[in-house]
Amino acid sequence: VFYVGVKHLNLFPQKTKPKMSEISRNQGVLFLRNVNGEPKWFEDDDEDNDGKYFGEIENGVPDGQGTFSWSNGDKYVGEWKNGKPNGQGTYTWSDGTKYEGEWKEGKRHGQGIYTSPDGEKYVGEYKDGKIWNGQGTETLPDGSKYVGEFKDGKKNGQGTFTFSNGNKYVGEYKEGKTWTGIFYDKNGNISFKRV
């Protein structure tokens, strides 16, 4: 038995089609609507839906592999559990920005890669949906690169920033700003120390 939207394909005809709630796990289509501030899944479409899901369904919600396309052009392709992204998946925003990596209960959590159309890239840890937390590598469009610790999307802790001209800063960051460390020129000579 295989479901595509509301079509039921079966080599042996049945008199009635089972309801989604009677199916343990199958392929299907669901629509997401915001009802009183809460996301709800529906089998039928109307013009008020926030997007469309196609993939594995269990107990009337996405569960397993699937794709969700938002009405604004954003898309998530990957693993689902209990109606939320969970496991490995890729979220692509309509502007081309992309996150590929681990998800937990609908939030980016674990190792991931963030890339933007302008060339910015981050490879590292995410926690509870918050961007750039823990160890990571950020590459900027001009070729500059930071390798080190992040907290809430900012450089925080020990790290090394290599400028596009080859100069380098090695040391501590606080709230995204250089703190105590050493600046080197592109030949490895100390330019100055910040204490």
N, C-alpha and C. Protein backbone atom coordinates (compact mmCIF):
# COMPACT_ATOMS: atom_id res chain seq x y z
N VAL A 1 0.85 -1.17 0.00
CA VAL A 1 0.00 0.00 0.00
C VAL A 1 0.89 1.23 0.00
N PHE A 2 0.60 2.20 -0.84
CA PHE A 2 1.39 3.42 -0.96
C PHE A 2 0.45 4.60 -1.13
N TYR A 3 0.71 5.69 -0.43
CA TYR A 3 -0.14 6.87 -0.51
C TYR A 3 0.62 8.02 -1.15
N VAL A 4 0.03 8.69 -2.09
CA VAL A 4 0.55 9.92 -2.67
C VAL A 4 -0.58 10.92 -2.58
N GLY A 5 -0.45 11.90 -1.68
CA GLY A 5 -1.53 12.84 -1.48
C GLY A 5 -2.77 12.12 -1.03
N VAL A 6 -3.86 12.31 -1.75
CA VAL A 6 -5.09 11.62 -1.40
C VAL A 6 -5.30 10.38 -2.27
N LYS A 7 -4.34 10.07 -3.15
CA LYS A 7 -4.48 8.89 -4.00
C LYS A 7 -3.95 7.66 -3.29
N HIS A 8 -4.68 6.61 -3.38
CA HIS A 8 -4.34 5.35 -2.74
C HIS A 8 -4.03 4.36 -3.86
N LEU A 9 -2.78 3.91 -3.91
CA LEU A 9 -2.38 2.98 -4.95
C LEU A 9 -2.22 1.59 -4.34
N ASN A 10 -2.88 0.61 -4.94
CA ASN A 10 -2.81 -0.75 -4.43
C ASN A 10 -3.08 -1.69 -5.60
N LEU A 11 -2.33 -2.75 -5.66
CA LEU A 11 -2.56 -3.72 -6.72
C LEU A 11 -3.89 -4.44 -6.56
N PHE A 12 -4.38 -4.53 -5.33
CA PHE A 12 -5.65 -5.18 -5.06
C PHE A 12 -6.63 -4.14 -4.55
N PRO A 13 -7.68 -3.84 -5.32
CA PRO A 13 -8.62 -2.79 -4.92
C PRO A 13 -9.30 -3.10 -3.58
N GLN A 14 -9.49 -2.03 -2.80
CA GLN A 14 -10.23 -2.13 -1.54
C GLN A 14 -11.47 -1.28 -1.66
N LYS A 15 -12.47 -1.60 -0.85
CA LYS A 15 -13.70 -0.82 -0.90
C LYS A 15 -13.54 0.52 -0.21
N THR A 16 -12.73 0.59 0.84
CA THR A 16 -12.54 1.86 1.55
C THR A 16 -11.06 2.11 1.78
N LYS A 17 -10.71 3.37 1.81
CA LYS A 17 -9.33 3.76 2.08
C LYS A 17 -9.17 3.98 3.59
N PRO A 18 -8.15 3.39 4.22
CA PRO A 18 -7.98 3.61 5.66
C PRO A 18 -7.64 5.06 5.95
N LYS A 19 -8.03 5.54 7.12
CA LYS A 19 -7.70 6.90 7.55
C LYS A 19 -6.25 6.95 7.99
N MET A 20 -5.66 8.14 7.92
CA MET A 20 -4.26 8.31 8.28
C MET A 20 -4.00 7.82 9.70
N SER A 21 -4.93 8.03 10.60
CA SER A 21 -4.73 7.62 11.99
C SER A 21 -4.69 6.09 12.14
N GLU A 22 -5.22 5.36 11.15
CA GLU A 22 -5.20 3.91 11.20
C GLU A 22 -3.92 3.32 10.62
N ILE A 23 -3.10 4.15 10.04
CA ILE A 23 -1.87 3.70 9.39
C ILE A 23 -0.71 3.89 10.35
N SER A 24 0.09 2.87 10.55
CA SER A 24 1.21 3.02 11.47
C SER A 24 2.32 3.86 10.85
N ARG A 25 2.79 3.53 9.66
CA ARG A 25 3.81 4.33 8.97
C ARG A 25 3.62 4.15 7.47
N ASN A 26 3.55 5.25 6.77
CA ASN A 26 3.39 5.23 5.33
C ASN A 26 3.92 6.51 4.74
N GLN A 27 4.03 6.54 3.42
CA GLN A 27 4.35 7.77 2.70
C GLN A 27 3.06 8.55 2.54
N GLY A 28 3.15 9.86 2.60
CA GLY A 28 1.96 10.66 2.42
C GLY A 28 2.26 12.14 2.35
N VAL A 29 1.19 12.91 2.26
CA VAL A 29 1.27 14.37 2.20
C VAL A 29 0.49 14.94 3.37
N LEU A 30 1.10 15.90 4.05
CA LEU A 30 0.43 16.61 5.13
C LEU A 30 0.62 18.11 4.92
N PHE A 31 -0.29 18.89 5.49
CA PHE A 31 -0.20 20.35 5.41
C PHE A 31 -0.12 20.92 6.82
N LEU A 32 0.70 21.92 6.98
CA LEU A 32 0.89 22.56 8.29
C LEU A 32 0.11 23.86 8.33
N ARG A 33 -0.64 24.03 9.42
CA ARG A 33 -1.35 25.29 9.65
C ARG A 33 -1.10 25.74 11.07
N ASN A 34 -1.07 27.03 11.24
CA ASN A 34 -0.92 27.63 12.56
C ASN A 34 -2.33 27.84 13.13
N VAL A 35 -2.66 27.10 14.17
CA VAL A 35 -3.99 27.19 14.79
C VAL A 35 -3.82 27.71 16.21
N ASN A 36 -4.31 28.92 16.45
CA ASN A 36 -4.19 29.56 17.77
C ASN A 36 -2.74 29.57 18.27
N GLY A 37 -1.82 29.88 17.36
CA GLY A 37 -0.41 29.97 17.74
C GLY A 37 0.32 28.64 17.82
N GLU A 38 -0.35 27.54 17.54
CA GLU A 38 0.26 26.21 17.60
C GLU A 38 0.28 25.59 16.21
N PRO A 39 1.41 24.98 15.81
CA PRO A 39 1.44 24.29 14.52
C PRO A 39 0.65 22.98 14.58
N LYS A 40 -0.20 22.76 13.59
CA LYS A 40 -1.02 21.54 13.52
C LYS A 40 -0.90 20.95 12.13
N TRP A 41 -0.89 19.61 12.05
CA TRP A 41 -0.80 18.89 10.78
C TRP A 41 -2.18 18.46 10.32
N PHE A 42 -2.45 18.60 9.00
CA PHE A 42 -3.73 18.24 8.41
C PHE A 42 -3.50 17.46 7.12
N GLU A 43 -4.44 16.57 6.80
CA GLU A 43 -4.35 15.80 5.56
C GLU A 43 -4.89 16.58 4.37
N ASP A 44 -5.79 17.53 4.61
CA ASP A 44 -6.39 18.28 3.51
C ASP A 44 -5.77 19.67 3.40
N ASP A 45 -5.79 20.19 2.19
CA ASP A 45 -5.17 21.48 1.89
C ASP A 45 -6.22 22.59 1.90
N ASP A 46 -5.79 23.79 2.25
CA ASP A 46 -6.58 24.99 2.02
C ASP A 46 -5.58 26.13 1.82
N GLU A 47 -6.07 27.29 1.42
CA GLU A 47 -5.16 28.39 1.11
C GLU A 47 -4.48 28.98 2.34
N ASP A 48 -4.88 28.59 3.53
CA ASP A 48 -4.28 29.11 4.76
C ASP A 48 -3.12 28.26 5.28
N ASN A 49 -2.66 27.28 4.52
CA ASN A 49 -1.59 26.43 5.04
C ASN A 49 -0.26 27.17 5.01
N ASP A 50 0.63 26.78 5.93
CA ASP A 50 1.96 27.38 6.03
C ASP A 50 2.98 26.60 5.22
N GLY A 51 2.61 25.43 4.72
CA GLY A 51 3.52 24.63 3.92
C GLY A 51 3.03 23.21 3.75
N LYS A 52 3.82 22.45 2.98
CA LYS A 52 3.42 21.10 2.60
C LYS A 52 4.56 20.12 2.90
N TYR A 53 4.20 18.98 3.47
CA TYR A 53 5.14 17.91 3.80
C TYR A 53 4.85 16.70 2.94
N PHE A 54 5.92 16.08 2.42
CA PHE A 54 5.79 14.79 1.74
C PHE A 54 6.84 13.86 2.31
N GLY A 55 6.42 12.70 2.77
CA GLY A 55 7.37 11.75 3.31
C GLY A 55 6.70 10.73 4.20
N GLU A 56 7.50 10.15 5.09
CA GLU A 56 6.99 9.13 6.00
C GLU A 56 6.13 9.78 7.09
N ILE A 57 5.04 9.10 7.41
CA ILE A 57 4.08 9.60 8.39
C ILE A 57 3.77 8.49 9.37
N GLU A 58 3.71 8.85 10.65
CA GLU A 58 3.29 7.90 11.67
C GLU A 58 2.34 8.64 12.61
N ASN A 59 1.20 8.04 12.87
CA ASN A 59 0.19 8.62 13.77
C ASN A 59 -0.19 10.04 13.37
N GLY A 60 -0.28 10.29 12.06
CA GLY A 60 -0.75 11.58 11.56
C GLY A 60 0.24 12.71 11.58
N VAL A 61 1.53 12.44 11.86
CA VAL A 61 2.55 13.49 11.86
C VAL A 61 3.80 12.98 11.12
N PRO A 62 4.63 13.91 10.61
CA PRO A 62 5.87 13.48 9.97
C PRO A 62 6.74 12.68 10.93
N ASP A 63 7.24 11.54 10.46
CA ASP A 63 8.09 10.68 11.27
C ASP A 63 8.87 9.78 10.32
N GLY A 64 10.18 9.98 10.25
CA GLY A 64 11.02 9.27 9.29
C GLY A 64 11.61 10.26 8.31
N GLN A 65 11.85 9.83 7.08
CA GLN A 65 12.40 10.71 6.05
C GLN A 65 11.29 11.52 5.40
N GLY A 66 11.56 12.82 5.16
CA GLY A 66 10.56 13.64 4.51
C GLY A 66 11.07 15.01 4.12
N THR A 67 10.25 15.69 3.33
CA THR A 67 10.55 17.04 2.84
C THR A 67 9.40 17.96 3.19
N PHE A 68 9.73 19.11 3.78
CA PHE A 68 8.71 20.12 4.06
C PHE A 68 9.08 21.39 3.32
N SER A 69 8.13 21.93 2.56
CA SER A 69 8.32 23.17 1.82
C SER A 69 7.40 24.23 2.40
N TRP A 70 7.98 25.33 2.92
CA TRP A 70 7.20 26.42 3.47
C TRP A 70 6.63 27.26 2.34
N SER A 71 5.56 27.97 2.60
CA SER A 71 4.94 28.82 1.59
C SER A 71 5.84 29.99 1.20
N ASN A 72 6.84 30.34 2.04
CA ASN A 72 7.75 31.45 1.71
C ASN A 72 8.95 31.00 0.87
N GLY A 73 9.03 29.71 0.53
CA GLY A 73 10.12 29.20 -0.30
C GLY A 73 11.21 28.46 0.46
N ASP A 74 11.21 28.51 1.79
CA ASP A 74 12.17 27.74 2.59
C ASP A 74 11.85 26.25 2.46
N LYS A 75 12.88 25.40 2.69
CA LYS A 75 12.66 23.96 2.57
C LYS A 75 13.55 23.20 3.55
N TYR A 76 12.98 22.12 4.14
CA TYR A 76 13.74 21.20 5.00
C TYR A 76 13.63 19.81 4.40
N VAL A 77 14.77 19.14 4.23
CA VAL A 77 14.81 17.77 3.73
C VAL A 77 15.61 16.95 4.73
N GLY A 78 15.00 15.91 5.29
CA GLY A 78 15.75 15.10 6.23
C GLY A 78 14.88 14.25 7.12
N GLU A 79 15.42 13.95 8.30
CA GLU A 79 14.75 13.07 9.25
C GLU A 79 13.78 13.85 10.14
N TRP A 80 12.68 13.18 10.50
CA TRP A 80 11.64 13.75 11.35
C TRP A 80 11.32 12.77 12.47
N LYS A 81 10.87 13.32 13.60
CA LYS A 81 10.37 12.49 14.70
C LYS A 81 9.26 13.27 15.40
N ASN A 82 8.11 12.65 15.52
CA ASN A 82 6.95 13.26 16.19
C ASN A 82 6.61 14.65 15.64
N GLY A 83 6.70 14.81 14.31
CA GLY A 83 6.28 16.05 13.67
C GLY A 83 7.32 17.15 13.64
N LYS A 84 8.56 16.87 14.09
CA LYS A 84 9.61 17.90 14.12
C LYS A 84 10.89 17.36 13.48
N PRO A 85 11.68 18.26 12.85
CA PRO A 85 12.99 17.81 12.36
C PRO A 85 13.81 17.22 13.50
N ASN A 86 14.37 16.04 13.27
CA ASN A 86 15.14 15.34 14.31
C ASN A 86 16.07 14.34 13.63
N GLY A 87 17.38 14.48 13.88
CA GLY A 87 18.37 13.64 13.21
C GLY A 87 19.13 14.48 12.20
N GLN A 88 19.47 13.89 11.06
CA GLN A 88 20.19 14.60 10.01
C GLN A 88 19.21 15.28 9.06
N GLY A 89 19.54 16.53 8.70
CA GLY A 89 18.68 17.23 7.76
C GLY A 89 19.31 18.49 7.21
N THR A 90 18.72 18.99 6.12
CA THR A 90 19.20 20.21 5.47
C THR A 90 18.05 21.20 5.37
N TYR A 91 18.28 22.41 5.90
CA TYR A 91 17.30 23.49 5.81
C TYR A 91 17.88 24.52 4.84
N THR A 92 17.12 24.85 3.79
CA THR A 92 17.54 25.84 2.82
C THR A 92 16.55 26.99 2.83
N TRP A 93 17.05 28.20 3.10
CA TRP A 93 16.22 29.40 3.08
C TRP A 93 15.99 29.82 1.63
N SER A 94 14.95 30.60 1.39
CA SER A 94 14.62 31.02 0.03
C SER A 94 15.72 31.87 -0.61
N ASP A 95 16.58 32.51 0.20
CA ASP A 95 17.67 33.33 -0.35
C ASP A 95 18.91 32.51 -0.68
N GLY A 96 18.88 31.19 -0.44
CA GLY A 96 20.01 30.32 -0.73
C GLY A 96 20.88 29.98 0.46
N THR A 97 20.66 30.62 1.60
CA THR A 97 21.38 30.28 2.83
C THR A 97 21.01 28.85 3.20
N LYS A 98 21.99 28.09 3.74
CA LYS A 98 21.73 26.67 3.99
C LYS A 98 22.38 26.22 5.30
N TYR A 99 21.67 25.34 6.02
CA TYR A 99 22.22 24.64 7.18
C TYR A 99 22.09 23.15 6.91
N GLU A 100 23.21 22.43 7.01
CA GLU A 100 23.22 20.98 6.87
C GLU A 100 23.79 20.40 8.14
N GLY A 101 23.05 19.51 8.79
CA GLY A 101 23.59 18.92 10.00
C GLY A 101 22.55 18.28 10.88
N GLU A 102 22.86 18.26 12.18
CA GLU A 102 22.04 17.56 13.15
C GLU A 102 20.93 18.46 13.70
N TRP A 103 19.79 17.81 13.98
CA TRP A 103 18.61 18.47 14.54
C TRP A 103 18.13 17.67 15.74
N LYS A 104 17.53 18.37 16.70
CA LYS A 104 16.92 17.71 17.85
C LYS A 104 15.65 18.47 18.21
N GLU A 105 14.52 17.78 18.14
CA GLU A 105 13.21 18.34 18.48
C GLU A 105 12.95 19.67 17.78
N GLY A 106 13.25 19.72 16.48
CA GLY A 106 12.96 20.90 15.67
C GLY A 106 14.00 22.00 15.72
N LYS A 107 15.10 21.78 16.44
CA LYS A 107 16.14 22.81 16.57
C LYS A 107 17.47 22.29 16.06
N ARG A 108 18.29 23.20 15.52
CA ARG A 108 19.66 22.82 15.14
C ARG A 108 20.40 22.47 16.42
N HIS A 109 20.96 21.27 16.46
CA HIS A 109 21.62 20.80 17.68
C HIS A 109 22.64 19.73 17.31
N GLY A 110 23.91 20.00 17.62
CA GLY A 110 24.97 19.06 17.27
C GLY A 110 25.87 19.68 16.22
N GLN A 111 26.50 18.85 15.42
CA GLN A 111 27.40 19.32 14.37
C GLN A 111 26.62 19.79 13.15
N GLY A 112 27.06 20.92 12.58
CA GLY A 112 26.39 21.43 11.40
C GLY A 112 27.27 22.34 10.57
N ILE A 113 26.82 22.57 9.34
CA ILE A 113 27.50 23.46 8.41
C ILE A 113 26.51 24.51 7.93
N TYR A 114 26.87 25.78 8.12
CA TYR A 114 26.05 26.91 7.68
C TYR A 114 26.78 27.58 6.53
N THR A 115 26.09 27.80 5.41
CA THR A 115 26.69 28.53 4.30
C THR A 115 25.71 29.59 3.81
N SER A 116 26.25 30.75 3.43
CA SER A 116 25.40 31.81 2.90
C SER A 116 25.79 32.09 1.45
N PRO A 117 24.89 32.68 0.67
CA PRO A 117 25.19 32.94 -0.74
C PRO A 117 26.40 33.85 -0.95
N ASP A 118 26.73 34.70 0.02
CA ASP A 118 27.87 35.62 -0.14
C ASP A 118 29.22 34.96 0.15
N GLY A 119 29.21 33.68 0.56
CA GLY A 119 30.46 32.95 0.79
C GLY A 119 30.81 32.73 2.24
N GLU A 120 30.02 33.26 3.17
CA GLU A 120 30.29 33.00 4.58
C GLU A 120 29.99 31.54 4.89
N LYS A 121 30.84 30.93 5.72
CA LYS A 121 30.64 29.52 6.07
C LYS A 121 31.04 29.29 7.52
N TYR A 122 30.24 28.49 8.22
CA TYR A 122 30.54 28.09 9.59
C TYR A 122 30.42 26.58 9.66
N VAL A 123 31.43 25.94 10.24
CA VAL A 123 31.41 24.49 10.46
C VAL A 123 31.66 24.28 11.94
N GLY A 124 30.71 23.67 12.64
CA GLY A 124 30.92 23.46 14.07
C GLY A 124 29.67 23.08 14.81
N GLU A 125 29.65 23.43 16.10
CA GLU A 125 28.59 23.00 17.01
C GLU A 125 27.44 23.99 17.10
N TYR A 126 26.26 23.43 17.28
CA TYR A 126 25.04 24.18 17.57
C TYR A 126 24.43 23.56 18.82
N LYS A 127 23.78 24.39 19.64
CA LYS A 127 23.13 23.87 20.85
C LYS A 127 21.75 24.50 20.99
N ASP A 128 20.73 23.66 21.15
CA ASP A 128 19.35 24.10 21.39
C ASP A 128 18.89 25.16 20.39
N GLY A 129 19.27 25.03 19.14
CA GLY A 129 18.83 25.95 18.11
C GLY A 129 19.63 27.23 18.03
N LYS A 130 20.49 27.46 19.01
CA LYS A 130 21.29 28.69 19.01
C LYS A 130 22.46 28.52 18.04
N ILE A 131 22.72 29.60 17.32
CA ILE A 131 23.78 29.52 16.33
C ILE A 131 25.15 29.55 16.96
N TRP A 132 26.04 28.83 16.35
CA TRP A 132 27.45 28.88 16.63
C TRP A 132 27.78 28.85 18.11
N ASN A 133 27.69 27.70 18.71
CA ASN A 133 28.01 27.49 20.12
C ASN A 133 29.00 26.35 20.24
N GLY A 134 30.14 26.61 20.88
CA GLY A 134 31.17 25.59 21.05
C GLY A 134 32.29 25.80 20.05
N GLN A 135 33.00 24.71 19.72
CA GLN A 135 34.12 24.78 18.77
C GLN A 135 33.59 24.92 17.35
N GLY A 136 34.28 25.76 16.57
CA GLY A 136 33.86 25.92 15.19
C GLY A 136 34.88 26.64 14.34
N THR A 137 34.59 26.67 13.04
CA THR A 137 35.42 27.37 12.06
C THR A 137 34.51 28.26 11.24
N GLU A 138 34.84 29.55 11.20
CA GLU A 138 34.08 30.51 10.40
C GLU A 138 34.98 31.03 9.29
N THR A 139 34.50 30.95 8.05
CA THR A 139 35.23 31.50 6.91
C THR A 139 34.39 32.63 6.34
N LEU A 140 35.00 33.80 6.17
CA LEU A 140 34.30 34.98 5.67
C LEU A 140 34.46 35.10 4.16
N PRO A 141 33.59 35.88 3.51
CA PRO A 141 33.65 36.01 2.05
C PRO A 141 35.01 36.49 1.51
N ASP A 142 35.75 37.29 2.29
CA ASP A 142 37.06 37.79 1.82
C ASP A 142 38.19 36.79 2.01
N GLY A 143 37.89 35.61 2.57
CA GLY A 143 38.89 34.58 2.79
C GLY A 143 39.46 34.54 4.20
N SER A 144 39.11 35.53 5.03
CA SER A 144 39.52 35.51 6.43
C SER A 144 38.92 34.29 7.11
N LYS A 145 39.62 33.78 8.14
CA LYS A 145 39.15 32.55 8.77
C LYS A 145 39.41 32.59 10.27
N TYR A 146 38.40 32.16 11.04
CA TYR A 146 38.52 32.04 12.49
C TYR A 146 38.32 30.58 12.87
N VAL A 147 39.22 30.07 13.71
CA VAL A 147 39.10 28.71 14.24
C VAL A 147 39.17 28.83 15.76
N GLY A 148 38.10 28.42 16.44
CA GLY A 148 38.12 28.53 17.89
C GLY A 148 36.75 28.36 18.51
N GLU A 149 36.58 29.00 19.66
CA GLU A 149 35.35 28.86 20.44
C GLU A 149 34.35 29.97 20.12
N PHE A 150 33.06 29.59 20.18
CA PHE A 150 31.95 30.51 19.95
C PHE A 150 30.96 30.39 21.10
N LYS A 151 30.22 31.47 21.32
CA LYS A 151 29.10 31.45 22.25
C LYS A 151 28.02 32.36 21.69
N ASP A 152 26.83 31.81 21.48
CA ASP A 152 25.69 32.56 20.95
C ASP A 152 26.03 33.34 19.69
N GLY A 153 26.79 32.71 18.79
CA GLY A 153 27.09 33.32 17.50
C GLY A 153 28.26 34.27 17.48
N LYS A 154 28.93 34.45 18.62
CA LYS A 154 30.07 35.36 18.69
C LYS A 154 31.33 34.60 19.07
N LYS A 155 32.47 35.09 18.59
CA LYS A 155 33.75 34.53 19.01
C LYS A 155 33.87 34.75 20.50
N ASN A 156 34.15 33.69 21.24
CA ASN A 156 34.22 33.80 22.69
C ASN A 156 35.07 32.65 23.22
N GLY A 157 36.21 32.99 23.85
CA GLY A 157 37.14 31.97 24.32
C GLY A 157 38.40 32.01 23.47
N GLN A 158 39.12 30.90 23.43
CA GLN A 158 40.38 30.84 22.68
C GLN A 158 40.13 30.64 21.18
N GLY A 159 40.94 31.34 20.38
CA GLY A 159 40.79 31.18 18.94
C GLY A 159 41.91 31.81 18.16
N THR A 160 41.94 31.48 16.88
CA THR A 160 42.91 32.04 15.94
C THR A 160 42.16 32.63 14.76
N PHE A 161 42.43 33.91 14.48
CA PHE A 161 41.82 34.58 13.34
C PHE A 161 42.92 34.88 12.34
N THR A 162 42.78 34.36 11.13
CA THR A 162 43.74 34.63 10.06
C THR A 162 43.09 35.58 9.07
N PHE A 163 43.68 36.77 8.92
CA PHE A 163 43.15 37.78 8.02
C PHE A 163 43.44 37.40 6.57
N SER A 164 42.69 37.97 5.63
CA SER A 164 42.87 37.64 4.22
C SER A 164 44.26 38.01 3.70
N ASN A 165 44.94 38.97 4.35
CA ASN A 165 46.29 39.37 3.92
C ASN A 165 47.39 38.50 4.54
N GLY A 166 47.00 37.51 5.38
CA GLY A 166 47.97 36.61 5.99
C GLY A 166 48.34 36.95 7.42
N ASN A 167 47.99 38.16 7.88
CA ASN A 167 48.21 38.51 9.29
C ASN A 167 47.34 37.62 10.16
N LYS A 168 47.72 37.51 11.45
CA LYS A 168 47.02 36.56 12.32
C LYS A 168 46.91 37.11 13.74
N TYR A 169 45.80 36.76 14.40
CA TYR A 169 45.62 37.03 15.83
C TYR A 169 45.41 35.68 16.50
N VAL A 170 46.17 35.43 17.58
CA VAL A 170 46.03 34.19 18.36
C VAL A 170 45.81 34.60 19.80
N GLY A 171 44.68 34.19 20.37
CA GLY A 171 44.43 34.55 21.76
C GLY A 171 42.98 34.40 22.15
N GLU A 172 42.58 35.22 23.11
CA GLU A 172 41.25 35.13 23.70
C GLU A 172 40.32 36.18 23.10
N TYR A 173 39.05 35.77 22.97
CA TYR A 173 37.98 36.66 22.53
C TYR A 173 36.94 36.74 23.63
N LYS A 174 36.31 37.92 23.75
CA LYS A 174 35.15 38.09 24.64
C LYS A 174 34.08 38.83 23.87
N GLU A 175 32.90 38.24 23.82
CA GLU A 175 31.75 38.86 23.14
C GLU A 175 32.08 39.30 21.71
N GLY A 176 32.87 38.50 21.00
CA GLY A 176 33.20 38.79 19.61
C GLY A 176 34.38 39.72 19.39
N LYS A 177 34.99 40.21 20.46
CA LYS A 177 36.11 41.16 20.34
C LYS A 177 37.40 40.54 20.85
N THR A 178 38.54 40.95 20.23
CA THR A 178 39.83 40.47 20.70
C THR A 178 40.04 40.95 22.12
N TRP A 179 40.65 40.09 22.94
CA TRP A 179 40.85 40.40 24.35
C TRP A 179 42.34 40.35 24.68
N THR A 180 42.83 39.23 25.12
CA THR A 180 44.27 39.09 25.37
C THR A 180 44.83 38.12 24.34
N GLY A 181 45.91 38.55 23.66
CA GLY A 181 46.50 37.70 22.64
C GLY A 181 47.62 38.39 21.91
N ILE A 182 48.07 37.75 20.84
CA ILE A 182 49.22 38.23 20.08
C ILE A 182 48.82 38.38 18.61
N PHE A 183 49.19 39.53 18.03
CA PHE A 183 49.00 39.78 16.60
C PHE A 183 50.32 39.49 15.89
N TYR A 184 50.24 38.74 14.79
CA TYR A 184 51.42 38.40 13.98
C TYR A 184 51.24 38.96 12.58
N ASP A 185 52.37 39.35 11.94
CA ASP A 185 52.28 39.73 10.54
C ASP A 185 52.28 38.46 9.69
N LYS A 186 52.16 38.63 8.37
CA LYS A 186 52.05 37.46 7.49
C LYS A 186 53.30 36.59 7.47
N ASN A 187 54.43 37.12 7.96
CA ASN A 187 55.68 36.35 8.03
C ASN A 187 55.86 35.64 9.36
N GLY A 188 54.90 35.81 10.28
CA GLY A 188 54.98 35.16 11.58
C GLY A 188 55.68 35.98 12.65
N ASN A 189 56.05 37.22 12.33
CA ASN A 189 56.69 38.10 13.31
C ASN A 189 55.63 38.74 14.19
N ILE A 190 55.93 38.90 15.48
CA ILE A 190 54.98 39.52 16.40
C ILE A 190 54.83 41.00 16.06
N SER A 191 53.60 41.44 15.80
CA SER A 191 53.31 42.85 15.55
C SER A 191 53.11 43.56 16.88
N PHE A 192 52.26 43.00 17.72
CA PHE A 192 52.09 43.49 19.09
C PHE A 192 51.30 42.50 19.92
N LYS A 193 51.41 42.69 21.23
CA LYS A 193 50.70 41.83 22.19
C LYS A 193 49.62 42.65 22.85
N ARG A 194 48.51 41.99 23.08
CA ARG A 194 47.41 42.63 23.80
C ARG A 194 47.24 41.87 25.10
N VAL A 195 47.46 42.58 26.23
CA VAL A 195 47.37 41.93 27.55
C VAL A 195 46.31 42.56 28.41
